[in-house]
């Protein structure tokens, strides 16, 4: 079996080598792990952090972190972190949820001073948001980016809840990355 296929199967099943379960980590912990693979002068150049939803845990288990690296293809490098281990590195326009055809720009970098509230804190905050009080949150996805709408870096959190034995998307909560303030709640339906 090829190494790539084994790696893909490991990531898809969220299992590390030797069938060890994935160690859940936060978005900023993943950023710190990913930064170790980036040249020191570019480690603070985080463009985005994405933690996709998984069915087996309330928070993401793998994370994608994009860095602005001027020498890289399209000036971007993406690091995929699963648990506490780096799984792969890619260069260029490697967006997961959106089409991108232009190179990354320095203006997209999220200042390190604005990344102070981590995903575990945000999940605790989201649980106390009025419309979510009393609901069982069973899944979430997180994305950190600069927001032109809010004029600051924000975490966009897609929240999934259990209702009537089914999992359904509740909606989206936008949280300031600097101070954890809930800026918006958008419900589905």
Protein backbone atom coordinates (compact mmCIF):
# COMPACT_ATOMS: atom_id res chain seq x y z
CA UNK A 1 0.00 0.00 0.00
CA UNK A 2 1.42 3.40 -0.91
CA UNK A 3 2.47 5.88 1.77
CA UNK A 4 0.04 8.49 0.40
CA UNK A 5 -2.89 6.10 0.65
CA UNK A 6 -1.99 5.13 4.22
CA UNK A 7 -1.67 8.81 5.15
CA UNK A 8 -5.02 9.63 3.54
CA UNK A 9 -6.71 6.75 5.34
CA UNK A 10 -5.18 7.84 8.66
CA UNK A 11 -6.40 11.42 8.27
CA UNK A 12 -9.87 10.41 7.08
CA UNK A 13 -10.42 8.11 10.06
CA UNK A 14 -8.78 10.48 12.52
CA UNK A 15 -6.40 7.81 13.73
CA UNK A 16 -2.69 8.27 14.21
CA UNK A 17 -0.01 5.66 13.67
CA UNK A 18 -0.50 2.44 15.65
CA UNK A 19 -4.25 3.13 15.96
CA UNK A 20 -3.74 5.83 18.59
CA UNK A 21 -6.76 8.13 18.89
CA UNK A 22 -6.25 11.72 17.80
CA UNK A 23 -5.44 14.10 20.61
CA UNK A 24 -7.91 17.00 20.41
CA UNK A 25 -6.18 20.37 20.27
CA UNK A 26 -7.39 23.92 19.85
CA UNK A 27 -7.00 26.15 16.83
CA UNK A 28 -4.20 28.20 18.37
CA UNK A 29 -2.38 25.07 19.54
CA UNK A 30 -2.56 23.81 15.94
CA UNK A 31 -1.20 27.17 14.75
CA UNK A 32 1.79 26.80 17.10
CA UNK A 33 2.47 23.25 15.89
CA UNK A 34 2.18 24.34 12.24
CA UNK A 35 4.45 27.34 12.79
CA UNK A 36 7.35 25.03 13.64
CA UNK A 37 7.38 23.96 9.96
CA UNK A 38 7.63 27.57 8.72
CA UNK A 39 10.81 29.67 8.55
CA UNK A 40 11.12 31.76 11.74
CA UNK A 41 10.67 35.07 9.89
CA UNK A 42 7.25 33.94 8.58
CA UNK A 43 5.79 32.13 11.62
CA UNK A 44 3.67 35.12 12.64
CA UNK A 45 2.21 35.49 9.13
CA UNK A 46 -1.01 33.53 9.70
CA UNK A 47 -3.60 34.23 7.00
CA UNK A 48 -6.30 31.81 8.16
CA UNK A 49 -7.05 28.86 10.41
CA UNK A 50 -9.75 26.33 9.51
CA UNK A 51 -11.01 23.46 11.64
CA UNK A 52 -13.65 21.44 9.75
CA UNK A 53 -16.48 19.68 11.58
CA UNK A 54 -16.18 16.00 12.40
CA UNK A 55 -18.96 13.61 13.41
CA UNK A 56 -17.07 12.11 16.34
CA UNK A 57 -16.21 15.13 18.49
CA UNK A 58 -17.78 18.49 19.33
CA UNK A 59 -14.69 20.44 18.16
CA UNK A 60 -12.51 19.90 15.09
CA UNK A 61 -9.78 17.25 15.28
CA UNK A 62 -7.76 18.46 12.33
CA UNK A 63 -6.76 21.97 11.38
CA UNK A 64 -5.53 23.77 8.27
CA UNK A 65 -3.32 26.81 8.84
CA UNK A 66 -2.35 29.16 6.00
CA UNK A 67 0.77 31.30 6.22
CA UNK A 68 1.87 34.20 4.03
CA UNK A 69 5.31 33.18 2.74
CA UNK A 70 6.65 35.47 -0.03
CA UNK A 71 8.91 32.74 -1.49
CA UNK A 72 6.12 30.16 -1.72
CA UNK A 73 3.98 29.47 -4.77
CA UNK A 74 1.24 32.15 -4.81
CA UNK A 75 2.87 33.38 -1.58
CA UNK A 76 0.97 30.88 0.53
CA UNK A 77 1.82 27.75 2.47
CA UNK A 78 -0.84 25.54 4.06
CA UNK A 79 -0.02 23.22 6.95
CA UNK A 80 -2.45 20.43 7.85
CA UNK A 81 -2.32 19.42 11.52
CA UNK A 82 -4.13 16.34 12.85
CA UNK A 83 -4.10 15.99 16.60
CA UNK A 84 -0.70 17.25 17.63
CA UNK A 85 1.11 16.20 14.44
CA UNK A 86 1.75 17.86 11.09
CA UNK A 87 0.25 15.74 8.28
CA UNK A 88 1.22 17.68 5.17
CA UNK A 89 2.38 20.97 3.69
CA UNK A 90 1.19 22.48 0.44
CA UNK A 91 1.97 25.68 -1.40
CA UNK A 92 -0.15 27.91 -3.58
CA UNK A 93 -3.87 28.56 -3.58
CA UNK A 94 -4.98 25.65 -1.41
CA UNK A 95 -8.27 27.00 -0.06
CA UNK A 96 -10.62 24.31 1.19
CA UNK A 97 -13.95 26.17 1.23
CA UNK A 98 -13.47 28.87 -1.39
CA UNK A 99 -12.06 29.31 -4.85
CA UNK A 100 -8.93 31.41 -4.96
CA UNK A 101 -7.06 32.52 -8.06
CA UNK A 102 -4.94 35.42 -6.79
CA UNK A 103 -1.79 35.20 -4.65
CA UNK A 104 -2.00 35.77 -0.91
CA UNK A 105 -1.23 39.29 0.29
CA UNK A 106 0.40 40.71 3.43
CA UNK A 107 -2.85 42.58 4.19
CA UNK A 108 -4.52 39.20 4.85
CA UNK A 109 -2.19 38.36 7.74
CA UNK A 110 -3.95 38.24 11.11
CA UNK A 111 -1.78 40.11 13.64
CA UNK A 112 -0.55 37.80 16.39
CA UNK A 113 -1.83 40.27 19.01
CA UNK A 114 -5.35 39.76 17.61
CA UNK A 115 -5.27 35.97 18.06
CA UNK A 116 -5.76 35.83 21.81
CA UNK A 117 -9.05 33.96 22.21
CA UNK A 118 -8.78 30.27 21.41
CA UNK A 119 -11.39 27.87 20.09
CA UNK A 120 -12.02 26.13 23.43
CA UNK A 121 -12.89 29.50 25.01
CA UNK A 122 -15.09 30.36 22.04
CA UNK A 123 -16.96 27.06 22.27
CA UNK A 124 -17.67 27.79 25.95
CA UNK A 125 -18.90 31.28 25.01
CA UNK A 126 -21.08 29.94 22.20
CA UNK A 127 -22.82 27.55 24.60
CA UNK A 128 -24.06 30.60 26.56
CA UNK A 129 -25.38 32.53 23.54
CA UNK A 130 -29.11 33.14 24.10
CA UNK A 131 -30.58 31.01 21.29
CA UNK A 132 -28.15 28.14 22.07
CA UNK A 133 -28.77 27.96 25.83
CA UNK A 134 -30.27 24.60 26.70
CA UNK A 135 -29.38 23.01 23.34
CA UNK A 136 -26.86 20.19 23.10
CA UNK A 137 -24.01 21.25 20.80
CA UNK A 138 -22.71 18.13 19.04
CA UNK A 139 -20.41 19.62 16.43
CA UNK A 140 -18.67 22.74 15.23
CA UNK A 141 -16.33 24.09 12.62
CA UNK A 142 -14.08 27.10 13.08
CA UNK A 143 -12.52 29.56 10.66
CA UNK A 144 -10.29 32.50 11.59
CA UNK A 145 -9.76 35.31 9.06
CA UNK A 146 -9.58 39.05 8.75
CA UNK A 147 -13.12 40.38 8.35
CA UNK A 148 -13.76 43.46 6.29
CA UNK A 149 -17.37 43.46 7.52
CA UNK A 150 -16.37 43.64 11.20
CA UNK A 151 -13.06 45.45 10.69
CA UNK A 152 -11.07 42.91 12.71
CA UNK A 153 -10.05 39.24 12.74
CA UNK A 154 -12.97 36.97 13.63
CA UNK A 155 -13.67 33.33 14.31
CA UNK A 156 -16.64 32.12 12.28
CA UNK A 157 -18.17 29.16 14.09
CA UNK A 158 -20.69 26.87 12.41
CA UNK A 159 -22.65 25.21 15.21
CA UNK A 160 -24.46 21.85 15.03
CA UNK A 161 -27.00 20.73 17.63
CA UNK A 162 -28.96 17.58 18.49
CA UNK A 163 -32.71 17.93 18.03
CA UNK A 164 -35.15 15.04 18.08
CA UNK A 165 -32.38 12.46 17.77
CA UNK A 166 -30.98 14.17 14.66
CA UNK A 167 -27.99 16.45 14.14
CA UNK A 168 -28.78 19.70 12.42
CA UNK A 169 -26.93 22.92 11.73
CA UNK A 170 -28.07 25.60 14.17
CA UNK A 171 -26.31 28.39 12.34
CA UNK A 172 -23.23 30.56 12.58
CA UNK A 173 -21.74 32.59 15.41
CA UNK A 174 -19.14 35.30 14.67
CA UNK A 175 -16.71 35.98 17.52
CA UNK A 176 -13.94 38.59 17.78
CA UNK A 177 -10.56 36.84 17.83
CA UNK A 178 -9.05 39.57 20.02
CA UNK A 179 -11.49 39.57 22.95
CA UNK A 180 -14.08 36.82 22.44
CA UNK A 181 -17.02 39.20 22.02
CA UNK A 182 -19.93 37.66 20.11
CA UNK A 183 -20.44 39.98 17.12
CA UNK A 184 -23.27 38.16 15.33
CA UNK A 185 -25.53 35.12 15.52
CA UNK A 186 -27.03 33.84 12.27
CA UNK A 187 -29.52 31.00 12.58
CA UNK A 188 -30.34 28.58 9.78
CA UNK A 189 -33.93 28.22 8.74
